[in-house]
């Protein structure tokens, strides 16, 4: 929380948490996330949302790690195709990725903490390995008191991080 509040220069609240296991050998392991911007879910104003991802096992391309487009955080919410059904390839798919950004694959060790500006373009690879999962705790934060979209399934609400 202290890291996120330092980055945001403001008190933050949690909006959502999700475990993504990409457990080896399961149908979910083969899901690659579309290139997306996390801000498309909460629809927060520019610069007010940030994702914090706790890396709970070693991540590399072979077991479905993340990739990012450095510098893309400066973009507004880009046109996207919302993912509407469970079981579909996850991530509100960005329709056109600006040519000025190059995709960078991330390799991260267990215990790492990835922080992404809400507008950063990113996605992930599938995990086709049979012996190594890729667990991650994904969390979405927003500056305290700012407006956001609750969502139909997510039912996002402010979660105090200082109680």
C-alpha atoms as a PDB file:
ATOM      1  CA  UNK A   1       0.000   0.000   0.000  1.00  0.00           C
ATOM      2  CA  UNK A   2       2.829   2.390   0.832  1.00  0.00           C
ATOM      3  CA  UNK A   3       4.411   1.781  -2.589  1.00  0.00           C
ATOM      4  CA  UNK A   4       1.133   2.433  -4.411  1.00  0.00           C
ATOM      5  CA  UNK A   5       0.379   5.581  -2.367  1.00  0.00           C
ATOM      6  CA  UNK A   6       3.886   6.889  -3.040  1.00  0.00           C
ATOM      7  CA  UNK A   7       3.422   6.360  -6.770  1.00  0.00           C
ATOM      8  CA  UNK A   8      -0.030   7.957  -6.710  1.00  0.00           C
ATOM      9  CA  UNK A   9       0.944  10.781  -4.306  1.00  0.00           C
ATOM     10  CA  UNK A  10      -2.439  10.200  -2.657  1.00  0.00           C
ATOM     11  CA  UNK A  11      -4.276   7.795  -0.352  1.00  0.00           C
ATOM     12  CA  UNK A  12      -5.655   4.819  -2.305  1.00  0.00           C
ATOM     13  CA  UNK A  13      -8.360   2.229  -1.791  1.00  0.00           C
ATOM     14  CA  UNK A  14      -8.634  -1.251  -3.205  1.00  0.00           C
ATOM     15  CA  UNK A  15     -11.311  -1.911  -5.823  1.00  0.00           C
ATOM     16  CA  UNK A  16     -10.805  -5.514  -6.808  1.00  0.00           C
ATOM     17  CA  UNK A  17      -8.610  -8.566  -6.217  1.00  0.00           C
ATOM     18  CA  UNK A  18      -8.316 -11.643  -8.374  1.00  0.00           C
ATOM     19  CA  UNK A  19      -6.144 -14.746  -8.224  1.00  0.00           C
ATOM     20  CA  UNK A  20      -4.992 -15.993 -11.611  1.00  0.00           C
ATOM     21  CA  UNK A  21      -3.300 -19.343 -11.213  1.00  0.00           C
ATOM     22  CA  UNK A  22      -2.699 -20.453 -14.823  1.00  0.00           C
ATOM     23  CA  UNK A  23      -2.425 -23.861 -13.186  1.00  0.00           C
ATOM     24  CA  UNK A  24      -0.425 -26.204 -15.369  1.00  0.00           C
ATOM     25  CA  UNK A  25      -2.535 -28.704 -17.285  1.00  0.00           C
ATOM     26  CA  UNK A  26      -5.902 -26.935 -16.830  1.00  0.00           C
ATOM     27  CA  UNK A  27      -8.044 -25.251 -19.515  1.00  0.00           C
ATOM     28  CA  UNK A  28      -7.398 -21.843 -17.879  1.00  0.00           C
ATOM     29  CA  UNK A  29      -3.632 -22.320 -18.228  1.00  0.00           C
ATOM     30  CA  UNK A  30      -3.940 -22.075 -21.992  1.00  0.00           C
ATOM     31  CA  UNK A  31      -5.716 -18.702 -21.820  1.00  0.00           C
ATOM     32  CA  UNK A  32      -3.611 -15.845 -23.072  1.00  0.00           C
ATOM     33  CA  UNK A  33      -4.919 -12.443 -22.016  1.00  0.00           C
ATOM     34  CA  UNK A  34      -5.671 -10.017 -24.836  1.00  0.00           C
ATOM     35  CA  UNK A  35      -3.717  -6.772 -24.958  1.00  0.00           C
ATOM     36  CA  UNK A  36      -5.769  -4.508 -22.719  1.00  0.00           C
ATOM     37  CA  UNK A  37      -5.734  -1.509 -20.384  1.00  0.00           C
ATOM     38  CA  UNK A  38      -6.897  -2.208 -16.824  1.00  0.00           C
ATOM     39  CA  UNK A  39      -8.622   1.189 -16.744  1.00  0.00           C
ATOM     40  CA  UNK A  40     -11.249  -0.149 -19.178  1.00  0.00           C
ATOM     41  CA  UNK A  41     -12.821  -2.124 -16.336  1.00  0.00           C
ATOM     42  CA  UNK A  42     -13.108   0.526 -13.606  1.00  0.00           C
ATOM     43  CA  UNK A  43     -13.254   3.433 -16.080  1.00  0.00           C
ATOM     44  CA  UNK A  44     -11.350   5.707 -13.735  1.00  0.00           C
ATOM     45  CA  UNK A  45     -10.108   9.120 -14.807  1.00  0.00           C
ATOM     46  CA  UNK A  46      -6.626   9.191 -16.321  1.00  0.00           C
ATOM     47  CA  UNK A  47      -3.837   8.572 -13.796  1.00  0.00           C
ATOM     48  CA  UNK A  48      -6.099   7.651 -10.888  1.00  0.00           C
ATOM     49  CA  UNK A  49      -5.947   3.850 -11.135  1.00  0.00           C
ATOM     50  CA  UNK A  50      -3.040   1.476 -10.803  1.00  0.00           C
ATOM     51  CA  UNK A  51      -2.664  -2.302 -10.767  1.00  0.00           C
ATOM     52  CA  UNK A  52      -0.404  -4.084  -8.315  1.00  0.00           C
ATOM     53  CA  UNK A  53       0.430  -7.675  -9.207  1.00  0.00           C
ATOM     54  CA  UNK A  54       2.014  -9.978  -6.626  1.00  0.00           C
ATOM     55  CA  UNK A  55       4.077 -12.646  -8.349  1.00  0.00           C
ATOM     56  CA  UNK A  56       3.486 -15.885  -6.422  1.00  0.00           C
ATOM     57  CA  UNK A  57       5.640 -18.185  -8.583  1.00  0.00           C
ATOM     58  CA  UNK A  58       8.385 -17.671 -11.138  1.00  0.00           C
ATOM     59  CA  UNK A  59       7.021 -16.191 -14.396  1.00  0.00           C
ATOM     60  CA  UNK A  60       8.507 -16.494 -17.851  1.00  0.00           C
ATOM     61  CA  UNK A  61       7.181 -16.691 -21.384  1.00  0.00           C
ATOM     62  CA  UNK A  62       6.994 -20.494 -21.243  1.00  0.00           C
ATOM     63  CA  UNK A  63       4.526 -20.514 -18.327  1.00  0.00           C
ATOM     64  CA  UNK A  64       2.391 -17.588 -19.454  1.00  0.00           C
ATOM     65  CA  UNK A  65       4.125 -14.469 -18.200  1.00  0.00           C
ATOM     66  CA  UNK A  66       3.035 -10.898 -18.840  1.00  0.00           C
ATOM     67  CA  UNK A  67       4.206  -8.653 -21.616  1.00  0.00           C
ATOM     68  CA  UNK A  68       3.912  -4.856 -21.607  1.00  0.00           C
ATOM     69  CA  UNK A  69       4.215  -1.927 -23.981  1.00  0.00           C
ATOM     70  CA  UNK A  70       6.520   0.551 -22.172  1.00  0.00           C
ATOM     71  CA  UNK A  71       5.444   4.171 -22.455  1.00  0.00           C
ATOM     72  CA  UNK A  72       1.874   3.295 -23.436  1.00  0.00           C
ATOM     73  CA  UNK A  73       0.530   4.625 -20.135  1.00  0.00           C
ATOM     74  CA  UNK A  74       0.331   8.067 -21.779  1.00  0.00           C
ATOM     75  CA  UNK A  75      -2.487   6.889 -24.029  1.00  0.00           C
ATOM     76  CA  UNK A  76      -6.124   7.630 -23.221  1.00  0.00           C
ATOM     77  CA  UNK A  77      -8.526   4.710 -23.087  1.00  0.00           C
ATOM     78  CA  UNK A  78      -8.093   3.209 -26.541  1.00  0.00           C
ATOM     79  CA  UNK A  79     -10.903   1.661 -28.561  1.00  0.00           C
ATOM     80  CA  UNK A  80     -11.497  -1.885 -27.357  1.00  0.00           C
ATOM     81  CA  UNK A  81     -13.755  -4.873 -27.746  1.00  0.00           C
ATOM     82  CA  UNK A  82     -15.144  -5.800 -24.311  1.00  0.00           C
ATOM     83  CA  UNK A  83     -14.922  -9.449 -23.336  1.00  0.00           C
ATOM     84  CA  UNK A  84     -18.486 -10.368 -22.443  1.00  0.00           C
ATOM     85  CA  UNK A  85     -18.501 -14.068 -21.641  1.00  0.00           C
ATOM     86  CA  UNK A  86     -16.684 -16.321 -19.245  1.00  0.00           C
ATOM     87  CA  UNK A  87     -14.514 -18.858 -20.972  1.00  0.00           C
ATOM     88  CA  UNK A  88     -13.577 -16.384 -23.710  1.00  0.00           C
ATOM     89  CA  UNK A  89     -10.025 -15.163 -24.051  1.00  0.00           C
ATOM     90  CA  UNK A  90      -9.864 -12.656 -21.179  1.00  0.00           C
ATOM     91  CA  UNK A  91      -8.977  -8.983 -21.380  1.00  0.00           C
ATOM     92  CA  UNK A  92     -10.912  -6.143 -23.032  1.00  0.00           C
ATOM     93  CA  UNK A  93      -9.086  -6.418 -26.370  1.00  0.00           C
ATOM     94  CA  UNK A  94      -7.467  -3.230 -27.648  1.00  0.00           C
ATOM     95  CA  UNK A  95      -8.382  -2.986 -31.330  1.00  0.00           C
ATOM     96  CA  UNK A  96      -5.343  -1.027 -32.561  1.00  0.00           C
ATOM     97  CA  UNK A  97      -2.005  -0.944 -30.739  1.00  0.00           C
ATOM     98  CA  UNK A  98      -0.159   2.242 -31.712  1.00  0.00           C
ATOM     99  CA  UNK A  99       2.967   1.424 -33.773  1.00  0.00           C
ATOM    100  CA  UNK A 100       5.204   3.570 -31.554  1.00  0.00           C
ATOM    101  CA  UNK A 101       5.187   0.964 -28.749  1.00  0.00           C
ATOM    102  CA  UNK A 102       7.247  -2.223 -28.716  1.00  0.00           C
ATOM    103  CA  UNK A 103       6.130  -5.279 -26.791  1.00  0.00           C
ATOM    104  CA  UNK A 104       8.502  -6.358 -23.996  1.00  0.00           C
ATOM    105  CA  UNK A 105       8.240  -9.791 -22.361  1.00  0.00           C
ATOM    106  CA  UNK A 106       8.562  -9.839 -18.571  1.00  0.00           C
ATOM    107  CA  UNK A 107      10.455 -12.507 -16.635  1.00  0.00           C
ATOM    108  CA  UNK A 108       9.764 -12.230 -12.916  1.00  0.00           C
ATOM    109  CA  UNK A 109      10.788 -14.189  -9.857  1.00  0.00           C
ATOM    110  CA  UNK A 110       8.458 -15.325  -7.083  1.00  0.00           C
ATOM    111  CA  UNK A 111       8.061 -12.448  -4.623  1.00  0.00           C
ATOM    112  CA  UNK A 112       8.266  -9.711  -7.266  1.00  0.00           C
ATOM    113  CA  UNK A 113       5.702  -6.918  -7.341  1.00  0.00           C
ATOM    114  CA  UNK A 114       4.618  -5.495 -10.704  1.00  0.00           C
ATOM    115  CA  UNK A 115       2.979  -2.056 -10.743  1.00  0.00           C
ATOM    116  CA  UNK A 116       1.151  -0.915 -13.867  1.00  0.00           C
ATOM    117  CA  UNK A 117      -0.431   2.463 -14.567  1.00  0.00           C
ATOM    118  CA  UNK A 118      -4.095   1.811 -15.369  1.00  0.00           C
ATOM    119  CA  UNK A 119      -3.611   2.887 -18.996  1.00  0.00           C
ATOM    120  CA  UNK A 120      -0.567   0.688 -19.703  1.00  0.00           C
ATOM    121  CA  UNK A 121      -1.099  -1.736 -22.579  1.00  0.00           C
ATOM    122  CA  UNK A 122      -0.315  -5.299 -21.506  1.00  0.00           C
ATOM    123  CA  UNK A 123      -1.347  -8.923 -21.882  1.00  0.00           C
ATOM    124  CA  UNK A 124      -0.051 -12.415 -21.179  1.00  0.00           C
ATOM    125  CA  UNK A 125       0.975 -15.605 -22.915  1.00  0.00           C
ATOM    126  CA  UNK A 126      -0.681 -19.009 -22.502  1.00  0.00           C
ATOM    127  CA  UNK A 127       0.886 -21.574 -20.169  1.00  0.00           C
ATOM    128  CA  UNK A 128       1.287 -24.801 -22.104  1.00  0.00           C
ATOM    129  CA  UNK A 129       3.690 -26.348 -19.581  1.00  0.00           C
ATOM    130  CA  UNK A 130       2.523 -29.484 -17.791  1.00  0.00           C
ATOM    131  CA  UNK A 131       4.647 -29.040 -14.679  1.00  0.00           C
ATOM    132  CA  UNK A 132       4.751 -25.345 -13.774  1.00  0.00           C
ATOM    133  CA  UNK A 133       1.879 -22.992 -12.930  1.00  0.00           C
ATOM    134  CA  UNK A 134       1.991 -19.183 -12.998  1.00  0.00           C
ATOM    135  CA  UNK A 135       0.130 -17.891  -9.929  1.00  0.00           C
ATOM    136  CA  UNK A 136      -0.485 -14.176  -9.476  1.00  0.00           C
ATOM    137  CA  UNK A 137      -2.596 -12.017  -7.163  1.00  0.00           C
ATOM    138  CA  UNK A 138      -3.918  -9.115  -9.235  1.00  0.00           C
ATOM    139  CA  UNK A 139      -5.176  -6.034  -7.428  1.00  0.00           C
ATOM    140  CA  UNK A 140      -6.705  -2.833  -8.709  1.00  0.00           C
ATOM    141  CA  UNK A 141      -6.293   0.395  -6.743  1.00  0.00           C
ATOM    142  CA  UNK A 142      -7.784   3.854  -7.201  1.00  0.00           C
ATOM    143  CA  UNK A 143      -7.190   7.176  -5.486  1.00  0.00           C
ATOM    144  CA  UNK A 144      -9.549   7.426  -2.524  1.00  0.00           C
ATOM    145  CA  UNK A 145     -12.841   9.190  -3.231  1.00  0.00           C
ATOM    146  CA  UNK A 146     -12.559   9.063  -7.031  1.00  0.00           C
ATOM    147  CA  UNK A 147     -15.382   7.765  -9.212  1.00  0.00           C
ATOM    148  CA  UNK A 148     -15.285   4.360 -10.882  1.00  0.00           C
ATOM    149  CA  UNK A 149     -17.534   1.844 -12.634  1.00  0.00           C
ATOM    150  CA  UNK A 150     -18.750  -0.910 -10.273  1.00  0.00           C
ATOM    151  CA  UNK A 151     -19.273  -3.441 -13.055  1.00  0.00           C
ATOM    152  CA  UNK A 152     -22.015  -6.045 -13.354  1.00  0.00           C
ATOM    153  CA  UNK A 153     -20.000  -9.059 -12.241  1.00  0.00           C
ATOM    154  CA  UNK A 154     -17.075  -7.418 -10.472  1.00  0.00           C
ATOM    155  CA  UNK A 155     -19.256  -5.361  -8.115  1.00  0.00           C
ATOM    156  CA  UNK A 156     -16.259  -3.173  -7.366  1.00  0.00           C
ATOM    157  CA  UNK A 157     -16.437  -1.132  -4.199  1.00  0.00           C
ATOM    158  CA  UNK A 158     -13.939   0.873  -2.179  1.00  0.00           C
ATOM    159  CA  UNK A 159     -11.966  -1.332   0.196  1.00  0.00           C
ATOM    160  CA  UNK A 160     -10.163   0.574   2.939  1.00  0.00           C
ATOM    161  CA  UNK A 161      -6.516  -0.399   3.186  1.00  0.00           C
ATOM    162  CA  UNK A 162      -5.848   1.343   6.471  1.00  0.00           C
ATOM    163  CA  UNK A 163      -8.378  -0.245   8.874  1.00  0.00           C
END
